[in-house]
Amino acid sequence: GGLFIRGRHSRGLGMIADLEKYAAAMLMGWRVLRVADKHVKNGA
C-alpha cells in the first residue's frame, strides 16, 4: 500500500526493511507474491 502517497513501502528505509523481510522469507523457502491495489481490483 501507499505506493503513490509516499507511504512506508515506497520510501528508502521502509523499502530496505521490506527487502530484508522478503530475503529472509525466501531463504526459509517461502514464495512471496507482492501485489498492489491495481492487481487486486482487476483480479490479477
All heavy atoms as atom14 arrays in JSON, in Angstrom:
{
  "sequence": "GGLFIRGRHSRGLGMIADLEKYAAAMLMGWRVLRVADKHVKNGA",
  "atom14_mask": [
    [1, 1, 1, 1, 0, 0, 0, 0, 0, 0, 0, 0, 0, 0],
    [1, 1, 1, 1, 0, 0, 0, 0, 0, 0, 0, 0, 0, 0],
    [1, 1, 1, 1, 1, 1, 1, 1, 0, 0, 0, 0, 0, 0],
    [1, 1, 1, 1, 1, 1, 1, 1, 1, 1, 1, 0, 0, 0],
    [1, 1, 1, 1, 1, 1, 1, 1, 0, 0, 0, 0, 0, 0],
    [1, 1, 1, 1, 1, 1, 1, 1, 1, 1, 1, 0, 0, 0],
    [1, 1, 1, 1, 0, 0, 0, 0, 0, 0, 0, 0, 0, 0],
    [1, 1, 1, 1, 1, 1, 1, 1, 1, 1, 1, 0, 0, 0],
    [1, 1, 1, 1, 1, 1, 1, 1, 1, 1, 0, 0, 0, 0],
    [1, 1, 1, 1, 1, 1, 0, 0, 0, 0, 0, 0, 0, 0],
    [1, 1, 1, 1, 1, 1, 1, 1, 1, 1, 1, 0, 0, 0],
    [1, 1, 1, 1, 0, 0, 0, 0, 0, 0, 0, 0, 0, 0],
    [1, 1, 1, 1, 1, 1, 1, 1, 0, 0, 0, 0, 0, 0],
    [1, 1, 1, 1, 0, 0, 0, 0, 0, 0, 0, 0, 0, 0],
    [1, 1, 1, 1, 1, 1, 1, 1, 0, 0, 0, 0, 0, 0],
    [1, 1, 1, 1, 1, 1, 1, 1, 0, 0, 0, 0, 0, 0],
    [1, 1, 1, 1, 1, 0, 0, 0, 0, 0, 0, 0, 0, 0],
    [1, 1, 1, 1, 1, 1, 1, 1, 0, 0, 0, 0, 0, 0],
    [1, 1, 1, 1, 1, 1, 1, 1, 0, 0, 0, 0, 0, 0],
    [1, 1, 1, 1, 1, 1, 1, 1, 1, 0, 0, 0, 0, 0],
    [1, 1, 1, 1, 1, 1, 1, 1, 1, 0, 0, 0, 0, 0],
    [1, 1, 1, 1, 1, 1, 1, 1, 1, 1, 1, 1, 0, 0],
    [1, 1, 1, 1, 1, 0, 0, 0, 0, 0, 0, 0, 0, 0],
    [1, 1, 1, 1, 1, 0, 0, 0, 0, 0, 0, 0, 0, 0],
    [1, 1, 1, 1, 1, 0, 0, 0, 0, 0, 0, 0, 0, 0],
    [1, 1, 1, 1, 1, 1, 1, 1, 0, 0, 0, 0, 0, 0],
    [1, 1, 1, 1, 1, 1, 1, 1, 0, 0, 0, 0, 0, 0],
    [1, 1, 1, 1, 1, 1, 1, 1, 0, 0, 0, 0, 0, 0],
    [1, 1, 1, 1, 0, 0, 0, 0, 0, 0, 0, 0, 0, 0],
    [1, 1, 1, 1, 1, 1, 1, 1, 1, 1, 1, 1, 1, 1],
    [1, 1, 1, 1, 1, 1, 1, 1, 1, 1, 1, 0, 0, 0],
    [1, 1, 1, 1, 1, 1, 1, 0, 0, 0, 0, 0, 0, 0],
    [1, 1, 1, 1, 1, 1, 1, 1, 0, 0, 0, 0, 0, 0],
    [1, 1, 1, 1, 1, 1, 1, 1, 1, 1, 1, 0, 0, 0],
    [1, 1, 1, 1, 1, 1, 1, 0, 0, 0, 0, 0, 0, 0],
    [1, 1, 1, 1, 1, 0, 0, 0, 0, 0, 0, 0, 0, 0],
    [1, 1, 1, 1, 1, 1, 1, 1, 0, 0, 0, 0, 0, 0],
    [1, 1, 1, 1, 1, 1, 1, 1, 1, 0, 0, 0, 0, 0],
    [1, 1, 1, 1, 1, 1, 1, 1, 1, 1, 0, 0, 0, 0],
    [1, 1, 1, 1, 1, 1, 1, 0, 0, 0, 0, 0, 0, 0],
    [1, 1, 1, 1, 1, 1, 1, 1, 1, 0, 0, 0, 0, 0],
    [1, 1, 1, 1, 1, 1, 1, 1, 0, 0, 0, 0, 0, 0],
    [1, 1, 1, 1, 0, 0, 0, 0, 0, 0, 0, 0, 0, 0],
    [1, 1, 1, 1, 1, 0, 0, 0, 0, 0, 0, 0, 0, 0]
  ],
  "atom14_positions": [
    [[0.81, -1.21, 0.0], [0.0, 0.0, 0.0], [0.85, 1.26, 0.0], [2.05, 1.22, 0.2], [0.0, 0.0, 0.0], [0.0, 0.0, 0.0], [0.0, 0.0, 0.0], [0.0, 0.0, 0.0], [0.0, 0.0, 0.0], [0.0, 0.0, 0.0], [0.0, 0.0, 0.0], [0.0, 0.0, 0.0], [0.0, 0.0, 0.0], [0.0, 0.0, 0.0]],
    [[0.2, 2.37, -0.21], [0.87, 3.67, -0.13], [1.91, 3.91, -1.19], [2.83, 4.71, -0.99], [0.0, 0.0, 0.0], [0.0, 0.0, 0.0], [0.0, 0.0, 0.0], [0.0, 0.0, 0.0], [0.0, 0.0, 0.0], [0.0, 0.0, 0.0], [0.0, 0.0, 0.0], [0.0, 0.0, 0.0], [0.0, 0.0, 0.0], [0.0, 0.0, 0.0]],
    [[1.78, 3.26, -2.33], [2.81, 3.38, -3.36], [2.87, 4.76, -3.99], [3.93, 5.2, -4.41], [2.58, 2.32, -4.44], [2.69, 0.87, -3.97], [2.36, -0.09, -5.11], [4.07, 0.58, -3.42], [0.0, 0.0, 0.0], [0.0, 0.0, 0.0], [0.0, 0.0, 0.0], [0.0, 0.0, 0.0], [0.0, 0.0, 0.0], [0.0, 0.0, 0.0]],
    [[1.75, 5.45, -4.06], [1.73, 6.75, -4.72], [1.56, 7.91, -3.76], [1.42, 9.06, -4.17], [0.61, 6.77, -5.78], [0.84, 5.77, -6.87], [0.16, 4.56, -6.88], [1.76, 6.01, -7.88], [0.38, 3.62, -7.87], [1.99, 5.08, -8.88], [1.3, 3.88, -8.86], [0.0, 0.0, 0.0], [0.0, 0.0, 0.0], [0.0, 0.0, 0.0]],
    [[1.56, 7.62, -2.48], [1.41, 8.69, -1.49], [2.62, 8.77, -0.57], [2.54, 9.27, 0.53], [0.12, 8.51, -0.66], [0.12, 7.17, 0.06], [-1.11, 8.67, -1.53], [-0.97, 7.02, 1.11], [0.0, 0.0, 0.0], [0.0, 0.0, 0.0], [0.0, 0.0, 0.0], [0.0, 0.0, 0.0], [0.0, 0.0, 0.0], [0.0, 0.0, 0.0]],
    [[3.72, 8.24, -1.05], [4.97, 8.22, -0.26], [4.76, 7.5, 1.05], [5.19, 7.95, 2.11], [5.51, 9.63, -0.06], [5.78, 10.38, -1.32], [7.17, 10.47, -1.83], [8.19, 10.67, -0.84], [9.3, 9.93, -0.81], [9.49, 8.98, -1.68], [10.22, 10.15, 0.09], [0.0, 0.0, 0.0], [0.0, 0.0, 0.0], [0.0, 0.0, 0.0]],
    [[4.07, 6.36, 0.99], [3.86, 5.53, 2.17], [5.14, 4.83, 2.58], [6.18, 4.94, 1.92], [0.0, 0.0, 0.0], [0.0, 0.0, 0.0], [0.0, 0.0, 0.0], [0.0, 0.0, 0.0], [0.0, 0.0, 0.0], [0.0, 0.0, 0.0], [0.0, 0.0, 0.0], [0.0, 0.0, 0.0], [0.0, 0.0, 0.0], [0.0, 0.0, 0.0]],
    [[5.07, 4.07, 3.65], [6.23, 3.39, 4.21], [6.93, 2.49, 3.19], [8.15, 2.41, 3.13], [5.83, 2.56, 5.43], [7.04, 2.02, 6.17], [6.66, 1.03, 7.23], [6.62, -0.34, 6.76], [7.68, -1.06, 6.38], [8.87, -0.51, 6.38], [7.56, -2.29, 6.01], [0.0, 0.0, 0.0], [0.0, 0.0, 0.0], [0.0, 0.0, 0.0]],
    [[6.15, 1.81, 2.36], [6.74, 0.85, 1.43], [7.45, 1.51, 0.25], [8.18, 0.84, -0.47], [5.66, -0.09, 0.88], [5.04, -0.94, 1.93], [5.68, -1.99, 2.53], [3.82, -0.88, 2.52], [4.88, -2.55, 3.43], [3.75, -1.89, 3.44], [0.0, 0.0, 0.0], [0.0, 0.0, 0.0], [0.0, 0.0, 0.0], [0.0, 0.0, 0.0]],
    [[7.25, 2.8, 0.07], [7.86, 3.46, -1.09], [8.91, 4.49, -0.71], [9.33, 5.27, -1.54], [6.76, 4.12, -1.96], [6.09, 5.1, -1.22], [0.0, 0.0, 0.0], [0.0, 0.0, 0.0], [0.0, 0.0, 0.0], [0.0, 0.0, 0.0], [0.0, 0.0, 0.0], [0.0, 0.0, 0.0], [0.0, 0.0, 0.0], [0.0, 0.0, 0.0]],
    [[9.35, 4.45, 0.53], [10.44, 5.33, 0.98], [11.64, 4.48, 1.34], [11.5, 3.3, 1.7], [10.0, 6.18, 2.16], [9.02, 7.26, 1.75], [8.67, 8.15, 2.9], [7.76, 7.39, 3.77], [7.33, 7.81, 4.94], [7.73, 8.96, 5.41], [6.51, 7.08, 5.65], [0.0, 0.0, 0.0], [0.0, 0.0, 0.0], [0.0, 0.0, 0.0]],
    [[12.81, 5.05, 1.29], [14.07, 4.34, 1.47], [14.14, 3.35, 2.62], [14.34, 2.15, 2.41], [0.0, 0.0, 0.0], [0.0, 0.0, 0.0], [0.0, 0.0, 0.0], [0.0, 0.0, 0.0], [0.0, 0.0, 0.0], [0.0, 0.0, 0.0], [0.0, 0.0, 0.0], [0.0, 0.0, 0.0], [0.0, 0.0, 0.0], [0.0, 0.0, 0.0]],
    [[13.97, 3.81, 3.84], [14.12, 2.91, 4.99], [13.05, 1.82, 5.01], [13.33, 0.67, 5.37], [14.1, 3.7, 6.3], [15.3, 4.61, 6.54], [15.13, 5.4, 7.84], [16.59, 3.81, 6.56], [0.0, 0.0, 0.0], [0.0, 0.0, 0.0], [0.0, 0.0, 0.0], [0.0, 0.0, 0.0], [0.0, 0.0, 0.0], [0.0, 0.0, 0.0]],
    [[11.85, 2.17, 4.63], [10.78, 1.18, 4.57], [11.05, 0.12, 3.52], [10.83, -1.08, 3.75], [0.0, 0.0, 0.0], [0.0, 0.0, 0.0], [0.0, 0.0, 0.0], [0.0, 0.0, 0.0], [0.0, 0.0, 0.0], [0.0, 0.0, 0.0], [0.0, 0.0, 0.0], [0.0, 0.0, 0.0], [0.0, 0.0, 0.0], [0.0, 0.0, 0.0]],
    [[11.57, 0.56, 2.38], [11.89, -0.4, 1.32], [13.03, -1.32, 1.74], [12.99, -2.52, 1.48], [12.25, 0.35, 0.03], [11.06, 1.01, -0.63], [11.5, 1.88, -2.14], [11.8, 0.5, -3.22], [0.0, 0.0, 0.0], [0.0, 0.0, 0.0], [0.0, 0.0, 0.0], [0.0, 0.0, 0.0], [0.0, 0.0, 0.0], [0.0, 0.0, 0.0]],
    [[14.03, -0.76, 2.4], [15.15, -1.58, 2.87], [14.67, -2.63, 3.86], [15.05, -3.8, 3.79], [16.26, -0.7, 3.47], [16.97, 0.06, 2.35], [17.27, -1.53, 4.27], [17.92, 1.14, 2.82], [0.0, 0.0, 0.0], [0.0, 0.0, 0.0], [0.0, 0.0, 0.0], [0.0, 0.0, 0.0], [0.0, 0.0, 0.0], [0.0, 0.0, 0.0]],
    [[13.8, -2.22, 4.78], [13.25, -3.18, 5.76], [12.45, -4.27, 5.06], [12.55, -5.45, 5.41], [12.39, -2.44, 6.78], [0.0, 0.0, 0.0], [0.0, 0.0, 0.0], [0.0, 0.0, 0.0], [0.0, 0.0, 0.0], [0.0, 0.0, 0.0], [0.0, 0.0, 0.0], [0.0, 0.0, 0.0], [0.0, 0.0, 0.0], [0.0, 0.0, 0.0]],
    [[11.66, -3.89, 4.05], [10.89, -4.88, 3.3], [11.8, -5.85, 2.56], [11.55, -7.05, 2.51], [9.95, -4.19, 2.3], [8.72, -3.58, 2.95], [8.45, -3.88, 4.13], [8.04, -2.8, 2.26], [0.0, 0.0, 0.0], [0.0, 0.0, 0.0], [0.0, 0.0, 0.0], [0.0, 0.0, 0.0], [0.0, 0.0, 0.0], [0.0, 0.0, 0.0]],
    [[12.87, -5.33, 1.97], [13.8, -6.2, 1.24], [14.43, -7.23, 2.18], [14.59, -8.4, 1.81], [14.89, -5.36, 0.57], [14.41, -4.45, -0.57], [15.54, -3.53, -1.01], [13.87, -5.25, -1.72], [0.0, 0.0, 0.0], [0.0, 0.0, 0.0], [0.0, 0.0, 0.0], [0.0, 0.0, 0.0], [0.0, 0.0, 0.0], [0.0, 0.0, 0.0]],
    [[14.76, -6.81, 3.39], [15.32, -7.75, 4.38], [14.29, -8.82, 4.74], [14.62, -10.01, 4.84], [15.78, -7.0, 5.62], [16.99, -6.12, 5.36], [17.33, -5.18, 6.51], [16.66, -5.24, 7.57], [18.27, -4.39, 6.35], [0.0, 0.0, 0.0], [0.0, 0.0, 0.0], [0.0, 0.0, 0.0], [0.0, 0.0, 0.0], [0.0, 0.0, 0.0]],
    [[13.07, -8.41, 4.94], [11.98, -9.35, 5.27], [11.8, -10.36, 4.14], [11.72, -11.57, 4.38], [10.69, -8.57, 5.5], [9.45, -9.4, 5.67], [8.23, -8.5, 5.82], [6.94, -9.26, 5.76], [5.77, -8.37, 5.95], [0.0, 0.0, 0.0], [0.0, 0.0, 0.0], [0.0, 0.0, 0.0], [0.0, 0.0, 0.0], [0.0, 0.0, 0.0]],
    [[11.73, -9.89, 2.9], [11.5, -10.78, 1.77], [12.69, -11.7, 1.53], [12.52, -12.87, 1.19], [11.15, -10.0, 0.51], [9.91, -9.13, 0.67], [9.84, -7.88, 0.1], [8.83, -9.58, 1.41], [8.7, -7.09, 0.26], [7.7, -8.8, 1.58], [7.65, -7.55, 1.0], [6.53, -6.77, 1.16], [0.0, 0.0, 0.0], [0.0, 0.0, 0.0]],
    [[13.89, -11.21, 1.72], [15.09, -12.06, 1.58], [15.08, -13.16, 2.63], [15.36, -14.33, 2.32], [16.36, -11.21, 1.68], [0.0, 0.0, 0.0], [0.0, 0.0, 0.0], [0.0, 0.0, 0.0], [0.0, 0.0, 0.0], [0.0, 0.0, 0.0], [0.0, 0.0, 0.0], [0.0, 0.0, 0.0], [0.0, 0.0, 0.0], [0.0, 0.0, 0.0]],
    [[14.77, -12.82, 3.87], [14.72, -13.82, 4.93], [13.65, -14.87, 4.62], [13.88, -16.07, 4.8], [14.44, -13.16, 6.28], [0.0, 0.0, 0.0], [0.0, 0.0, 0.0], [0.0, 0.0, 0.0], [0.0, 0.0, 0.0], [0.0, 0.0, 0.0], [0.0, 0.0, 0.0], [0.0, 0.0, 0.0], [0.0, 0.0, 0.0], [0.0, 0.0, 0.0]],
    [[12.5, -14.42, 4.14], [11.43, -15.35, 3.79], [11.87, -16.31, 2.69], [11.64, -17.52, 2.77], [10.18, -14.58, 3.37], [0.0, 0.0, 0.0], [0.0, 0.0, 0.0], [0.0, 0.0, 0.0], [0.0, 0.0, 0.0], [0.0, 0.0, 0.0], [0.0, 0.0, 0.0], [0.0, 0.0, 0.0], [0.0, 0.0, 0.0], [0.0, 0.0, 0.0]],
    [[12.52, -15.78, 1.67], [12.95, -16.62, 0.56], [14.02, -17.61, 1.02], [14.03, -18.76, 0.58], [13.44, -15.76, -0.6], [12.28, -14.99, -1.24], [12.81, -13.91, -2.57], [13.21, -15.11, -3.81], [0.0, 0.0, 0.0], [0.0, 0.0, 0.0], [0.0, 0.0, 0.0], [0.0, 0.0, 0.0], [0.0, 0.0, 0.0], [0.0, 0.0, 0.0]],
    [[14.91, -17.19, 1.91], [15.91, -18.11, 2.44], [15.28, -19.24, 3.25], [15.85, -20.32, 3.37], [16.93, -17.35, 3.3], [17.88, -16.46, 2.52], [18.65, -15.54, 3.45], [18.83, -17.3, 1.68], [0.0, 0.0, 0.0], [0.0, 0.0, 0.0], [0.0, 0.0, 0.0], [0.0, 0.0, 0.0], [0.0, 0.0, 0.0], [0.0, 0.0, 0.0]],
    [[14.07, -18.99, 3.77], [13.34, -20.02, 4.51], [12.47, -20.87, 3.59], [11.75, -21.75, 4.05], [12.47, -19.34, 5.58], [13.27, -18.64, 6.66], [12.22, -17.64, 7.76], [11.27, -18.93, 8.57], [0.0, 0.0, 0.0], [0.0, 0.0, 0.0], [0.0, 0.0, 0.0], [0.0, 0.0, 0.0], [0.0, 0.0, 0.0], [0.0, 0.0, 0.0]],
    [[12.51, -20.59, 2.28], [11.76, -21.39, 1.32], [10.41, -20.83, 0.91], [9.69, -21.45, 0.14], [0.0, 0.0, 0.0], [0.0, 0.0, 0.0], [0.0, 0.0, 0.0], [0.0, 0.0, 0.0], [0.0, 0.0, 0.0], [0.0, 0.0, 0.0], [0.0, 0.0, 0.0], [0.0, 0.0, 0.0], [0.0, 0.0, 0.0], [0.0, 0.0, 0.0]],
    [[10.06, -19.64, 1.4], [8.78, -19.02, 1.05], [8.84, -18.41, -0.34], [9.87, -17.88, -0.77], [8.43, -17.91, 2.05], [7.97, -18.42, 3.36], [8.75, -18.71, 4.44], [6.62, -18.68, 3.75], [7.96, -19.15, 5.48], [6.65, -19.14, 5.08], [5.4, -18.56, 3.1], [5.5, -19.48, 5.77], [4.25, -18.91, 3.78], [4.3, -19.36, 5.1]],
    [[7.7, -18.46, -1.04], [7.49, -17.7, -2.27], [6.63, -16.51, -1.86], [5.57, -16.7, -1.25], [6.78, -18.53, -3.32], [7.59, -19.74, -3.75], [6.84, -20.64, -4.68], [5.66, -21.18, -3.98], [4.57, -21.64, -4.59], [4.48, -21.62, -5.9], [3.57, -22.12, -3.91], [0.0, 0.0, 0.0], [0.0, 0.0, 0.0], [0.0, 0.0, 0.0]],
    [[7.09, -15.31, -2.16], [6.39, -14.1, -1.73], [5.88, -13.36, -2.98], [6.68, -12.9, -3.79], [7.29, -13.18, -0.89], [6.53, -11.94, -0.45], [7.86, -13.94, 0.32], [0.0, 0.0, 0.0], [0.0, 0.0, 0.0], [0.0, 0.0, 0.0], [0.0, 0.0, 0.0], [0.0, 0.0, 0.0], [0.0, 0.0, 0.0], [0.0, 0.0, 0.0]],
    [[4.57, -13.27, -3.08], [3.93, -12.53, -4.17], [3.56, -11.15, -3.65], [2.81, -11.04, -2.68], [2.68, -13.28, -4.64], [1.83, -12.57, -5.7], [2.62, -12.42, -7.0], [0.55, -13.35, -5.94], [0.0, 0.0, 0.0], [0.0, 0.0, 0.0], [0.0, 0.0, 0.0], [0.0, 0.0, 0.0], [0.0, 0.0, 0.0], [0.0, 0.0, 0.0]],
    [[4.11, -10.13, -4.27], [3.81, -8.75, -3.88], [2.83, -8.18, -4.88], [3.06, -8.24, -6.08], [5.1, -7.93, -3.86], [6.1, -8.46, -2.85], [7.42, -7.75, -2.95], [7.24, -6.34, -2.62], [8.14, -5.4, -2.9], [9.26, -5.69, -3.53], [7.91, -4.15, -2.57], [0.0, 0.0, 0.0], [0.0, 0.0, 0.0], [0.0, 0.0, 0.0]],
    [[1.73, -7.62, -4.37], [0.7, -7.06, -5.24], [0.35, -5.65, -4.8], [0.5, -5.3, -3.63], [-0.57, -7.95, -5.28], [-0.23, -9.35, -5.77], [-1.25, -8.01, -3.92], [0.0, 0.0, 0.0], [0.0, 0.0, 0.0], [0.0, 0.0, 0.0], [0.0, 0.0, 0.0], [0.0, 0.0, 0.0], [0.0, 0.0, 0.0], [0.0, 0.0, 0.0]],
    [[-0.15, -4.88, -5.74], [-0.63, -3.52, -5.46], [-2.15, -3.51, -5.61], [-2.76, -4.48, -6.07], [0.0, -2.53, -6.44], [0.0, 0.0, 0.0], [0.0, 0.0, 0.0], [0.0, 0.0, 0.0], [0.0, 0.0, 0.0], [0.0, 0.0, 0.0], [0.0, 0.0, 0.0], [0.0, 0.0, 0.0], [0.0, 0.0, 0.0], [0.0, 0.0, 0.0]],
    [[-2.76, -2.4, -5.24], [-4.23, -2.3, -5.3], [-4.77, -2.57, -6.7], [-5.8, -3.2, -6.86], [-4.72, -0.96, -4.75], [-4.2, 0.24, -5.52], [-3.26, 0.11, -6.33], [-4.75, 1.33, -5.29], [0.0, 0.0, 0.0], [0.0, 0.0, 0.0], [0.0, 0.0, 0.0], [0.0, 0.0, 0.0], [0.0, 0.0, 0.0], [0.0, 0.0, 0.0]],
    [[-4.04, -2.13, -7.71], [-4.46, -2.37, -9.1], [-4.64, -3.87, -9.37], [-5.6, -4.28, -10.02], [-3.43, -1.79, -10.07], [-3.68, -2.16, -11.52], [-2.55, -1.67, -12.41], [-2.78, -2.16, -13.84], [-1.76, -1.67, -14.75], [0.0, 0.0, 0.0], [0.0, 0.0, 0.0], [0.0, 0.0, 0.0], [0.0, 0.0, 0.0], [0.0, 0.0, 0.0]],
    [[-3.72, -4.68, -8.86], [-3.76, -6.12, -9.09], [-4.92, -6.79, -8.37], [-5.46, -7.79, -8.85], [-2.44, -6.77, -8.66], [-1.26, -6.15, -9.3], [-0.21, -5.62, -8.57], [-0.97, -5.92, -10.61], [0.68, -5.13, -9.4], [0.24, -5.29, -10.65], [0.0, 0.0, 0.0], [0.0, 0.0, 0.0], [0.0, 0.0, 0.0], [0.0, 0.0, 0.0]],
    [[-5.31, -6.24, -7.24], [-6.48, -6.77, -6.52], [-7.74, -6.36, -7.26], [-8.61, -7.19, -7.55], [-6.5, -6.29, -5.05], [-7.79, -6.71, -4.36], [-5.28, -6.82, -4.29], [0.0, 0.0, 0.0], [0.0, 0.0, 0.0], [0.0, 0.0, 0.0], [0.0, 0.0, 0.0], [0.0, 0.0, 0.0], [0.0, 0.0, 0.0], [0.0, 0.0, 0.0]],
    [[-7.83, -5.08, -7.62], [-9.04, -4.56, -8.26], [-9.32, -5.2, -9.61], [-10.48, -5.44, -9.96], [-8.93, -3.04, -8.42], [-9.02, -2.31, -7.1], [-8.79, -0.82, -7.29], [-8.82, -0.09, -5.96], [-8.47, 1.33, -6.11], [0.0, 0.0, 0.0], [0.0, 0.0, 0.0], [0.0, 0.0, 0.0], [0.0, 0.0, 0.0], [0.0, 0.0, 0.0]],
    [[-8.28, -5.5, -10.39], [-8.52, -6.07, -11.72], [-8.53, -7.6, -11.74], [-8.66, -8.21, -12.78], [-7.56, -5.5, -12.77], [-6.12, -5.97, -12.59], [-5.82, -6.92, -11.89], [-5.2, -5.26, -13.25], [0.0, 0.0, 0.0], [0.0, 0.0, 0.0], [0.0, 0.0, 0.0], [0.0, 0.0, 0.0], [0.0, 0.0, 0.0], [0.0, 0.0, 0.0]],
    [[-8.36, -8.22, -10.57], [-8.43, -9.67, -10.47], [-7.13, -10.4, -10.74], [-7.07, -11.62, -10.6], [0.0, 0.0, 0.0], [0.0, 0.0, 0.0], [0.0, 0.0, 0.0], [0.0, 0.0, 0.0], [0.0, 0.0, 0.0], [0.0, 0.0, 0.0], [0.0, 0.0, 0.0], [0.0, 0.0, 0.0], [0.0, 0.0, 0.0], [0.0, 0.0, 0.0]],
    [[-6.1, -9.68, -11.14], [-4.82, -10.33, -11.44], [-4.26, -11.05, -10.21], [-3.76, -12.17, -10.32], [-3.82, -9.32, -11.97], [0.0, 0.0, 0.0], [0.0, 0.0, 0.0], [0.0, 0.0, 0.0], [0.0, 0.0, 0.0], [0.0, 0.0, 0.0], [0.0, 0.0, 0.0], [0.0, 0.0, 0.0], [0.0, 0.0, 0.0], [0.0, 0.0, 0.0]]
  ]
}
